[in-house]
PDB file of N, CA and C in Angstrom:
ATOM      1  N   MET A   1      -0.771  15.428 -16.720  1.00  0.00           N
ATOM      2  CA  MET A   1       0.244  14.368 -16.618  1.00  0.00           C
ATOM      3  C   MET A   1       0.278  13.777 -15.197  1.00  0.00           C
ATOM      4  N   ARG A   2       0.145  14.641 -14.182  1.00  0.00           N
ATOM      5  CA  ARG A   2       0.183  14.127 -12.831  1.00  0.00           C
ATOM      6  C   ARG A   2      -1.065  13.222 -12.573  1.00  0.00           C
ATOM      7  N   VAL A   3      -2.182  13.630 -13.140  1.00  0.00           N
ATOM      8  CA  VAL A   3      -3.401  12.850 -12.951  1.00  0.00           C
ATOM      9  C   VAL A   3      -3.248  11.478 -13.615  1.00  0.00           C
ATOM     10  N   MET A   4      -2.636  11.458 -14.796  1.00  0.00           N
ATOM     11  CA  MET A   4      -2.395  10.194 -15.474  1.00  0.00           C
ATOM     12  C   MET A   4      -1.511   9.276 -14.654  1.00  0.00           C
ATOM     13  N   ALA A   5      -0.461   9.862 -14.117  1.00  0.00           N
ATOM     14  CA  ALA A   5       0.463   9.040 -13.282  1.00  0.00           C
ATOM     15  C   ALA A   5      -0.221   8.488 -12.055  1.00  0.00           C
ATOM     16  N   THR A   6      -1.045   9.270 -11.404  1.00  0.00           N
ATOM     17  CA  THR A   6      -1.767   8.865 -10.204  1.00  0.00           C
ATOM     18  C   THR A   6      -2.788   7.734 -10.616  1.00  0.00           C
ATOM     19  N   ASN A   7      -3.479   7.958 -11.714  1.00  0.00           N
ATOM     20  CA  ASN A   7      -4.450   6.931 -12.183  1.00  0.00           C
ATOM     21  C   ASN A   7      -3.739   5.625 -12.507  1.00  0.00           C
ATOM     22  N   ALA A   8      -2.589   5.715 -13.136  1.00  0.00           N
ATOM     23  CA  ALA A   8      -1.801   4.493 -13.470  1.00  0.00           C
ATOM     24  C   ALA A   8      -1.391   3.733 -12.209  1.00  0.00           C
ATOM     25  N   LEU A   9      -0.960   4.498 -11.198  1.00  0.00           N
ATOM     26  CA  LEU A   9      -0.524   3.870  -9.970  1.00  0.00           C
ATOM     27  C   LEU A   9      -1.732   3.257  -9.231  1.00  0.00           C
ATOM     28  N   LEU A  10      -2.866   3.922  -9.277  1.00  0.00           N
ATOM     29  CA  LEU A  10      -4.063   3.365  -8.641  1.00  0.00           C
ATOM     30  C   LEU A  10      -4.501   2.108  -9.363  1.00  0.00           C
ATOM     31  N   ALA A  11      -4.470   2.105 -10.686  1.00  0.00           N
ATOM     32  CA  ALA A  11      -4.847   0.892 -11.429  1.00  0.00           C
ATOM     33  C   ALA A  11      -3.925  -0.271 -11.068  1.00  0.00           C
ATOM     34  N   ALA A  12      -2.632   0.016 -10.984  1.00  0.00           N
ATOM     35  CA  ALA A  12      -1.663  -1.044 -10.606  1.00  0.00           C
ATOM     36  C   ALA A  12      -1.957  -1.559  -9.216  1.00  0.00           C
ATOM     37  N   THR A  13      -2.268  -0.648  -8.314  1.00  0.00           N
ATOM     38  CA  THR A  13      -2.588  -1.047  -6.963  1.00  0.00           C
ATOM     39  C   THR A  13      -3.792  -1.901  -6.895  1.00  0.00           C
ATOM     40  N   LEU A  14      -4.872  -1.509  -7.595  1.00  0.00           N
ATOM     41  CA  LEU A  14      -6.129  -2.248  -7.530  1.00  0.00           C
ATOM     42  C   LEU A  14      -6.019  -3.633  -8.251  1.00  0.00           C
ATOM     43  N   ALA A  15      -5.197  -3.674  -9.273  1.00  0.00           N
ATOM     44  CA  ALA A  15      -5.087  -4.890 -10.056  1.00  0.00           C
ATOM     45  C   ALA A  15      -4.136  -5.912  -9.496  1.00  0.00           C
ATOM     46  N   SER A  16      -3.370  -5.511  -8.467  1.00  0.00           N
ATOM     47  CA  SER A  16      -2.331  -6.421  -7.927  1.00  0.00           C
ATOM     48  C   SER A  16      -2.965  -7.521  -7.095  1.00  0.00           C
ATOM     49  N   ALA A  17      -2.325  -8.663  -7.173  1.00  0.00           N
ATOM     50  CA  ALA A  17      -2.702  -9.803  -6.272  1.00  0.00           C
ATOM     51  C   ALA A  17      -1.864  -9.718  -5.022  1.00  0.00           C
ATOM     52  N   ALA A  18      -2.480 -10.064  -3.931  1.00  0.00           N
ATOM     53  CA  ALA A  18      -1.749 -10.020  -2.626  1.00  0.00           C
ATOM     54  C   ALA A  18      -1.133 -11.366  -2.336  1.00  0.00           C
ATOM     55  N   TRP A  19      -0.005 -11.379  -1.756  1.00  0.00           N
ATOM     56  CA  TRP A  19       0.607 -12.603  -1.259  1.00  0.00           C
ATOM     57  C   TRP A  19       1.055 -12.391   0.153  1.00  0.00           C
ATOM     58  N   ALA A  20       0.847 -13.400   1.004  1.00  0.00           N
ATOM     59  CA  ALA A  20       1.111 -13.262   2.440  1.00  0.00           C
ATOM     60  C   ALA A  20       2.550 -13.526   2.776  1.00  0.00           C
ATOM     61  N   GLY A  21       3.109 -12.707   3.650  1.00  0.00           N
ATOM     62  CA  GLY A  21       4.429 -12.955   4.180  1.00  0.00           C
ATOM     63  C   GLY A  21       5.606 -12.614   3.306  1.00  0.00           C
ATOM     64  N   ALA A  22       5.382 -11.997   2.179  1.00  0.00           N
ATOM     65  CA  ALA A  22       6.464 -11.709   1.231  1.00  0.00           C
ATOM     66  C   ALA A  22       7.195 -10.447   1.655  1.00  0.00           C
ATOM     67  N   ASP A  23       8.556 -10.503   1.600  1.00  0.00           N
ATOM     68  CA  ASP A  23       9.357  -9.303   1.782  1.00  0.00           C
ATOM     69  C   ASP A  23       9.485  -8.629   0.435  1.00  0.00           C
ATOM     70  N   CYS A  24       9.733  -7.345   0.448  1.00  0.00           N
ATOM     71  CA  CYS A  24       9.952  -6.586  -0.762  1.00  0.00           C
ATOM     72  C   CYS A  24      11.496  -6.519  -1.041  1.00  0.00           C
ATOM     73  N   VAL A  25      11.833  -6.621  -2.263  1.00  0.00           N
ATOM     74  CA  VAL A  25      13.308  -6.728  -2.591  1.00  0.00           C
ATOM     75  C   VAL A  25      13.743  -5.656  -3.567  1.00  0.00           C
ATOM     76  N   ALA A  26      12.926  -4.699  -3.896  1.00  0.00           N
ATOM     77  CA  ALA A  26      13.305  -3.664  -4.850  1.00  0.00           C
ATOM     78  C   ALA A  26      14.430  -2.795  -4.274  1.00  0.00           C
ATOM     79  N   PRO A  27      15.397  -2.478  -5.063  1.00  0.00           N
ATOM     80  CA  PRO A  27      16.495  -1.580  -4.662  1.00  0.00           C
ATOM     81  C   PRO A  27      15.941  -0.186  -4.369  1.00  0.00           C
ATOM     82  N   MET A  28      16.458   0.521  -3.360  1.00  0.00           N
ATOM     83  CA  MET A  28      15.930   1.817  -2.972  1.00  0.00           C
ATOM     84  C   MET A  28      15.914   2.795  -4.105  1.00  0.00           C
ATOM     85  N   ALA A  29      16.805   2.691  -5.101  1.00  0.00           N
ATOM     86  CA  ALA A  29      16.817   3.630  -6.235  1.00  0.00           C
ATOM     87  C   ALA A  29      15.572   3.521  -7.037  1.00  0.00           C
ATOM     88  N   ASP A  30      14.831   2.413  -6.916  1.00  0.00           N
ATOM     89  CA  ASP A  30      13.589   2.206  -7.685  1.00  0.00           C
ATOM     90  C   ASP A  30      12.344   2.537  -6.919  1.00  0.00           C
ATOM     91  N   TRP A  31      12.478   2.966  -5.629  1.00  0.00           N
ATOM     92  CA  TRP A  31      11.339   3.177  -4.785  1.00  0.00           C
ATOM     93  C   TRP A  31      10.583   4.423  -5.242  1.00  0.00           C
ATOM     94  N   GLN A  32       9.268   4.413  -5.049  1.00  0.00           N
ATOM     95  CA  GLN A  32       8.422   5.574  -5.253  1.00  0.00           C
ATOM     96  C   GLN A  32       8.506   6.434  -3.990  1.00  0.00           C
ATOM     97  N   PRO A  33       8.308   7.770  -4.086  1.00  0.00           N
ATOM     98  CA  PRO A  33       8.419   8.606  -2.895  1.00  0.00           C
ATOM     99  C   PRO A  33       7.222   8.358  -1.948  1.00  0.00           C
ATOM    100  N   ARG A  34       7.450   8.622  -0.685  1.00  0.00           N
ATOM    101  CA  ARG A  34       6.392   8.507   0.345  1.00  0.00           C
ATOM    102  C   ARG A  34       5.144   9.343  -0.004  1.00  0.00           C
ATOM    103  N   ALA A  35       5.327  10.445  -0.656  1.00  0.00           N
ATOM    104  CA  ALA A  35       4.216  11.253  -1.041  1.00  0.00           C
ATOM    105  C   ALA A  35       3.238  10.549  -1.959  1.00  0.00           C
ATOM    106  N   MET A  36       3.754   9.617  -2.782  1.00  0.00           N
ATOM    107  CA  MET A  36       2.832   8.873  -3.667  1.00  0.00           C
ATOM    108  C   MET A  36       2.074   7.829  -2.860  1.00  0.00           C
ATOM    109  N   VAL A  37       2.717   7.309  -1.795  1.00  0.00           N
ATOM    110  CA  VAL A  37       1.972   6.375  -0.908  1.00  0.00           C
ATOM    111  C   VAL A  37       0.818   7.129  -0.279  1.00  0.00           C
ATOM    112  N   GLU A  38       1.084   8.319   0.196  1.00  0.00           N
ATOM    113  CA  GLU A  38       0.023   9.187   0.824  1.00  0.00           C
ATOM    114  C   GLU A  38      -1.060   9.490  -0.188  1.00  0.00           C
ATOM    115  N   THR A  39      -0.709   9.737  -1.439  1.00  0.00           N
ATOM    116  CA  THR A  39      -1.722  10.035  -2.502  1.00  0.00           C
ATOM    117  C   THR A  39      -2.638   8.794  -2.731  1.00  0.00           C
ATOM    118  N   ILE A  40      -1.964   7.637  -2.860  1.00  0.00           N
ATOM    119  CA  ILE A  40      -2.751   6.426  -3.030  1.00  0.00           C
ATOM    120  C   ILE A  40      -3.650   6.135  -1.852  1.00  0.00           C
ATOM    121  N   ALA A  41      -3.130   6.287  -0.649  1.00  0.00           N
ATOM    122  CA  ALA A  41      -3.922   6.054   0.561  1.00  0.00           C
ATOM    123  C   ALA A  41      -5.159   6.952   0.543  1.00  0.00           C
ATOM    124  N   ALA A  42      -4.969   8.244   0.285  1.00  0.00           N
ATOM    125  CA  ALA A  42      -6.111   9.161   0.241  1.00  0.00           C
ATOM    126  C   ALA A  42      -7.121   8.748  -0.823  1.00  0.00           C
ATOM    127  N   ALA A  43      -6.666   8.362  -1.973  1.00  0.00           N
ATOM    128  CA  ALA A  43      -7.545   7.978  -3.051  1.00  0.00           C
ATOM    129  C   ALA A  43      -8.340   6.666  -2.746  1.00  0.00           C
ATOM    130  N   GLN A  44      -7.788   5.845  -1.874  1.00  0.00           N
ATOM    131  CA  GLN A  44      -8.435   4.601  -1.491  1.00  0.00           C
ATOM    132  C   GLN A  44      -9.326   4.833  -0.238  1.00  0.00           C
ATOM    133  N   GLY A  45      -9.259   5.997   0.344  1.00  0.00           N
ATOM    134  CA  GLY A  45      -9.998   6.274   1.515  1.00  0.00           C
ATOM    135  C   GLY A  45      -9.334   5.770   2.820  1.00  0.00           C
ATOM    136  N   TRP A  46      -8.087   5.477   2.755  1.00  0.00           N
ATOM    137  CA  TRP A  46      -7.308   5.031   3.906  1.00  0.00           C
ATOM    138  C   TRP A  46      -6.792   6.185   4.684  1.00  0.00           C
ATOM    139  N   ARG A  47      -6.828   6.084   6.017  1.00  0.00           N
ATOM    140  CA  ARG A  47      -6.243   7.126   6.862  1.00  0.00           C
ATOM    141  C   ARG A  47      -4.953   6.557   7.500  1.00  0.00           C
ATOM    142  N   ILE A  48      -3.904   7.321   7.324  1.00  0.00           N
ATOM    143  CA  ILE A  48      -2.566   6.832   7.790  1.00  0.00           C
ATOM    144  C   ILE A  48      -2.344   7.287   9.214  1.00  0.00           C
ATOM    145  N   GLY A  49      -2.098   6.328  10.137  1.00  0.00           N
ATOM    146  CA  GLY A  49      -1.657   6.647  11.430  1.00  0.00           C
ATOM    147  C   GLY A  49      -0.166   6.715  11.507  1.00  0.00           C
ATOM    148  N   ARG A  50       0.499   5.755  10.782  1.00  0.00           N
ATOM    149  CA  ARG A  50       1.942   5.709  10.721  1.00  0.00           C
ATOM    150  C   ARG A  50       2.334   5.062   9.367  1.00  0.00           C
ATOM    151  N   LEU A  51       3.264   5.669   8.725  1.00  0.00           N
ATOM    152  CA  LEU A  51       3.838   5.162   7.486  1.00  0.00           C
ATOM    153  C   LEU A  51       5.307   4.913   7.715  1.00  0.00           C
ATOM    154  N   HIS A  52       5.713   3.642   7.536  1.00  0.00           N
ATOM    155  CA  HIS A  52       7.119   3.278   7.828  1.00  0.00           C
ATOM    156  C   HIS A  52       7.566   2.171   6.882  1.00  0.00           C
ATOM    157  N   VAL A  53       8.820   1.753   6.986  1.00  0.00           N
ATOM    158  CA  VAL A  53       9.345   0.692   6.148  1.00  0.00           C
ATOM    159  C   VAL A  53       9.551  -0.544   7.071  1.00  0.00           C
ATOM    160  N   ASP A  54       9.068  -1.693   6.579  1.00  0.00           N
ATOM    161  CA  ASP A  54       9.280  -2.943   7.307  1.00  0.00           C
ATOM    162  C   ASP A  54       9.538  -4.058   6.298  1.00  0.00           C
ATOM    163  N   ASP A  55      10.627  -4.796   6.503  1.00  0.00           N
ATOM    164  CA  ASP A  55      11.072  -5.876   5.582  1.00  0.00           C
ATOM    165  C   ASP A  55      11.170  -5.366   4.144  1.00  0.00           C
ATOM    166  N   GLY A  56      11.649  -4.154   3.992  1.00  0.00           N
ATOM    167  CA  GLY A  56      11.844  -3.634   2.660  1.00  0.00           C
ATOM    168  C   GLY A  56      10.568  -3.145   1.962  1.00  0.00           C
ATOM    169  N   CYS A  57       9.457  -3.160   2.644  1.00  0.00           N
ATOM    170  CA  CYS A  57       8.162  -2.701   2.090  1.00  0.00           C
ATOM    171  C   CYS A  57       7.714  -1.463   2.775  1.00  0.00           C
ATOM    172  N   TYR A  58       6.929  -0.640   2.099  1.00  0.00           N
ATOM    173  CA  TYR A  58       6.178   0.424   2.809  1.00  0.00           C
ATOM    174  C   TYR A  58       5.073  -0.266   3.595  1.00  0.00           C
ATOM    175  N   GLU A  59       4.864   0.248   4.800  1.00  0.00           N
ATOM    176  CA  GLU A  59       3.746  -0.298   5.631  1.00  0.00           C
ATOM    177  C   GLU A  59       2.965   0.853   6.220  1.00  0.00           C
ATOM    178  N   ILE A  60       1.654   0.778   6.005  1.00  0.00           N
ATOM    179  CA  ILE A  60       0.718   1.763   6.560  1.00  0.00           C
ATOM    180  C   ILE A  60       0.012   1.141   7.729  1.00  0.00           C
ATOM    181  N   ASP A  61       0.115   1.763   8.885  1.00  0.00           N
ATOM    182  CA  ASP A  61      -0.749   1.393  10.026  1.00  0.00           C
ATOM    183  C   ASP A  61      -1.813   2.478  10.099  1.00  0.00           C
ATOM    184  N   GLY A  62      -3.052   2.056   9.921  1.00  0.00           N
ATOM    185  CA  GLY A  62      -4.132   3.088   9.923  1.00  0.00           C
ATOM    186  C   GLY A  62      -5.496   2.450   9.834  1.00  0.00           C
ATOM    187  N   TRP A  63      -6.368   3.087   9.061  1.00  0.00           N
ATOM    188  CA  TRP A  63      -7.763   2.668   8.979  1.00  0.00           C
ATOM    189  C   TRP A  63      -8.196   2.628   7.524  1.00  0.00           C
ATOM    190  N   ASP A  64      -9.009   1.657   7.163  1.00  0.00           N
ATOM    191  CA  ASP A  64      -9.491   1.610   5.803  1.00  0.00           C
ATOM    192  C   ASP A  64     -10.689   2.539   5.639  1.00  0.00           C
ATOM    193  N   SER A  65     -11.307   2.513   4.433  1.00  0.00           N
ATOM    194  CA  SER A  65     -12.407   3.438   4.126  1.00  0.00           C
ATOM    195  C   SER A  65     -13.636   3.138   4.966  1.00  0.00           C
ATOM    196  N   GLU A  66     -13.712   1.982   5.583  1.00  0.00           N
ATOM    197  CA  GLU A  66     -14.864   1.633   6.452  1.00  0.00           C
ATOM    198  C   GLU A  66     -14.556   1.886   7.937  1.00  0.00           C
ATOM    199  N   GLY A  67     -13.405   2.392   8.225  1.00  0.00           N
ATOM    200  CA  GLY A  67     -12.997   2.725   9.582  1.00  0.00           C
ATOM    201  C   GLY A  67     -12.386   1.558  10.353  1.00  0.00           C
ATOM    202  N   ARG A  68     -12.089   0.434   9.654  1.00  0.00           N
ATOM    203  CA  ARG A  68     -11.523  -0.741  10.338  1.00  0.00           C
ATOM    204  C   ARG A  68      -9.959  -0.454  10.431  1.00  0.00           C
ATOM    205  N   GLU A  69      -9.387  -0.875  11.536  1.00  0.00           N
ATOM    206  CA  GLU A  69      -7.961  -0.750  11.751  1.00  0.00           C
ATOM    207  C   GLU A  69      -7.233  -1.771  10.871  1.00  0.00           C
ATOM    208  N   VAL A  70      -6.260  -1.270  10.057  1.00  0.00           N
ATOM    209  CA  VAL A  70      -5.545  -2.138   9.174  1.00  0.00           C
ATOM    210  C   VAL A  70      -4.054  -1.893   9.167  1.00  0.00           C
ATOM    211  N   GLU A  71      -3.331  -2.905   8.674  1.00  0.00           N
ATOM    212  CA  GLU A  71      -1.892  -2.755   8.372  1.00  0.00           C
ATOM    213  C   GLU A  71      -1.789  -3.104   6.905  1.00  0.00           C
ATOM    214  N   ILE A  72      -1.421  -2.136   6.077  1.00  0.00           N
ATOM    215  CA  ILE A  72      -1.346  -2.329   4.652  1.00  0.00           C
ATOM    216  C   ILE A  72       0.121  -2.308   4.187  1.00  0.00           C
ATOM    217  N   THR A  73       0.509  -3.334   3.506  1.00  0.00           N
ATOM    218  CA  THR A  73       1.899  -3.450   3.031  1.00  0.00           C
ATOM    219  C   THR A  73       1.926  -3.204   1.527  1.00  0.00           C
ATOM    220  N   LEU A  74       2.825  -2.311   1.107  1.00  0.00           N
ATOM    221  CA  LEU A  74       2.941  -1.909  -0.315  1.00  0.00           C
ATOM    222  C   LEU A  74       4.335  -2.191  -0.836  1.00  0.00           C
ATOM    223  N   ASP A  75       4.399  -2.655  -2.058  1.00  0.00           N
ATOM    224  CA  ASP A  75       5.754  -2.817  -2.728  1.00  0.00           C
ATOM    225  C   ASP A  75       6.248  -1.389  -2.941  1.00  0.00           C
ATOM    226  N   PRO A  76       7.422  -1.058  -2.523  1.00  0.00           N
ATOM    227  CA  PRO A  76       7.924   0.346  -2.671  1.00  0.00           C
ATOM    228  C   PRO A  76       8.244   0.779  -4.067  1.00  0.00           C
ATOM    229  N   ALA A  77       8.478  -0.155  -4.989  1.00  0.00           N
ATOM    230  CA  ALA A  77       8.786   0.211  -6.375  1.00  0.00           C
ATOM    231  C   ALA A  77       7.517   0.435  -7.213  1.00  0.00           C
ATOM    232  N   THR A  78       6.546  -0.467  -7.026  1.00  0.00           N
ATOM    233  CA  THR A  78       5.342  -0.409  -7.815  1.00  0.00           C
ATOM    234  C   THR A  78       4.139   0.188  -7.115  1.00  0.00           C
ATOM    235  N   LEU A  79       4.241   0.239  -5.802  1.00  0.00           N
ATOM    236  CA  LEU A  79       3.179   0.636  -4.848  1.00  0.00           C
ATOM    237  C   LEU A  79       1.930  -0.303  -4.963  1.00  0.00           C
ATOM    238  N   ALA A  80       2.147  -1.517  -5.440  1.00  0.00           N
ATOM    239  CA  ALA A  80       1.157  -2.537  -5.468  1.00  0.00           C
ATOM    240  C   ALA A  80       0.959  -3.038  -4.014  1.00  0.00           C
ATOM    241  N   VAL A  81      -0.324  -3.312  -3.690  1.00  0.00           N
ATOM    242  CA  VAL A  81      -0.649  -3.839  -2.370  1.00  0.00           C
ATOM    243  C   VAL A  81      -0.118  -5.294  -2.251  1.00  0.00           C
ATOM    244  N   VAL A  82       0.729  -5.514  -1.296  1.00  0.00           N
ATOM    245  CA  VAL A  82       1.290  -6.818  -1.050  1.00  0.00           C
ATOM    246  C   VAL A  82       0.382  -7.583  -0.054  1.00  0.00           C
ATOM    247  N   GLU A  83      -0.129  -6.865   0.936  1.00  0.00           N
ATOM    248  CA  GLU A  83      -0.942  -7.535   1.949  1.00  0.00           C
ATOM    249  C   GLU A  83      -1.758  -6.464   2.670  1.00  0.00           C
ATOM    250  N   ILE A  84      -2.981  -6.895   3.091  1.00  0.00           N
ATOM    251  CA  ILE A  84      -3.787  -6.089   3.968  1.00  0.00           C
ATOM    252  C   ILE A  84      -4.093  -6.996   5.155  1.00  0.00           C
ATOM    253  N   ASP A  85      -3.720  -6.520   6.343  1.00  0.00           N
ATOM    254  CA  ASP A  85      -3.902  -7.304   7.574  1.00  0.00           C
ATOM    255  C   ASP A  85      -4.871  -6.491   8.415  1.00  0.00           C
ATOM    256  N   TYR A  86      -6.035  -7.009   8.674  1.00  0.00           N
ATOM    257  CA  TYR A  86      -7.079  -6.296   9.451  1.00  0.00           C
ATOM    258  C   TYR A  86      -6.837  -6.550  10.938  1.00  0.00           C
ATOM    259  N   GLU A  87      -7.299  -5.645  11.801  1.00  0.00           N
ATOM    260  CA  GLU A  87      -7.145  -5.739  13.233  1.00  0.00           C
ATOM    261  C   GLU A  87      -7.680  -7.073  13.716  1.00  0.00           C
ATOM    262  N   ASP A  88      -8.670  -7.623  13.062  1.00  0.00           N
ATOM    263  CA  ASP A  88      -9.219  -8.949  13.512  1.00  0.00           C
ATOM    264  C   ASP A  88      -8.305 -10.069  13.086  1.00  0.00           C
ATOM    265  N   HIS A  89      -7.119  -9.730  12.514  1.00  0.00           N
ATOM    266  CA  HIS A  89      -6.065 -10.670  12.185  1.00  0.00           C
ATOM    267  C   HIS A  89      -6.356 -11.567  11.012  1.00  0.00           C
ATOM    268  N   GLN A  90      -7.310 -11.198  10.194  1.00  0.00           N
ATOM    269  CA  GLN A  90      -7.616 -11.946   8.965  1.00  0.00           C
ATOM    270  C   GLN A  90      -6.925 -11.263   7.817  1.00  0.00           C
ATOM    271  N   ARG A  91      -6.159 -11.974   7.052  1.00  0.00           N
ATOM    272  CA  ARG A  91      -5.505 -11.409   5.881  1.00  0.00           C
ATOM    273  C   ARG A  91      -6.375 -11.627   4.671  1.00  0.00           C
ATOM    274  N   ARG A  92      -6.619 -10.543   3.954  1.00  0.00           N
ATOM    275  CA  ARG A  92      -7.484 -10.541   2.822  1.00  0.00           C
ATOM    276  C   ARG A  92      -6.802  -9.917   1.613  1.00  0.00           C
ATOM    277  N   PRO A  93      -6.958 -10.502   0.413  1.00  0.00           N
ATOM    278  CA  PRO A  93      -6.409  -9.891  -0.758  1.00  0.00           C
ATOM    279  C   PRO A  93      -7.149  -8.614  -1.111  1.00  0.00           C
ATOM    280  N   ARG A  94      -6.470  -7.701  -1.678  1.00  0.00           N
ATOM    281  CA  ARG A  94      -7.073  -6.445  -2.113  1.00  0.00           C
ATOM    282  C   ARG A  94      -7.892  -6.721  -3.343  1.00  0.00           C
ATOM    283  N   LYS A  95      -9.161  -6.289  -3.331  1.00  0.00           N
ATOM    284  CA  LYS A  95     -10.084  -6.521  -4.494  1.00  0.00           C
ATOM    285  C   LYS A  95      -9.846  -5.539  -5.594  1.00  0.00           C
TER     286      LYS A  95
END
């Protein structure tokens, strides 16, 4: 059951379209736990330097699977990727 939930969250994350500059508006009662953010990050090969909340979204400051420094913004309710901002300051949608 836990594997199915993780896979469902990963699918939602990968299938999401990114939009720049959006704030997250989900009520805190609907938020996923930080542990799920860490699980998704590990599955994507992301290393977390800092996990915090910014503008109502989860934000990961860390490194992607290729070692590039990134800031990843996640919707706290769905854990869908809202934005990935690379250290080179180019915003790219999650594929």
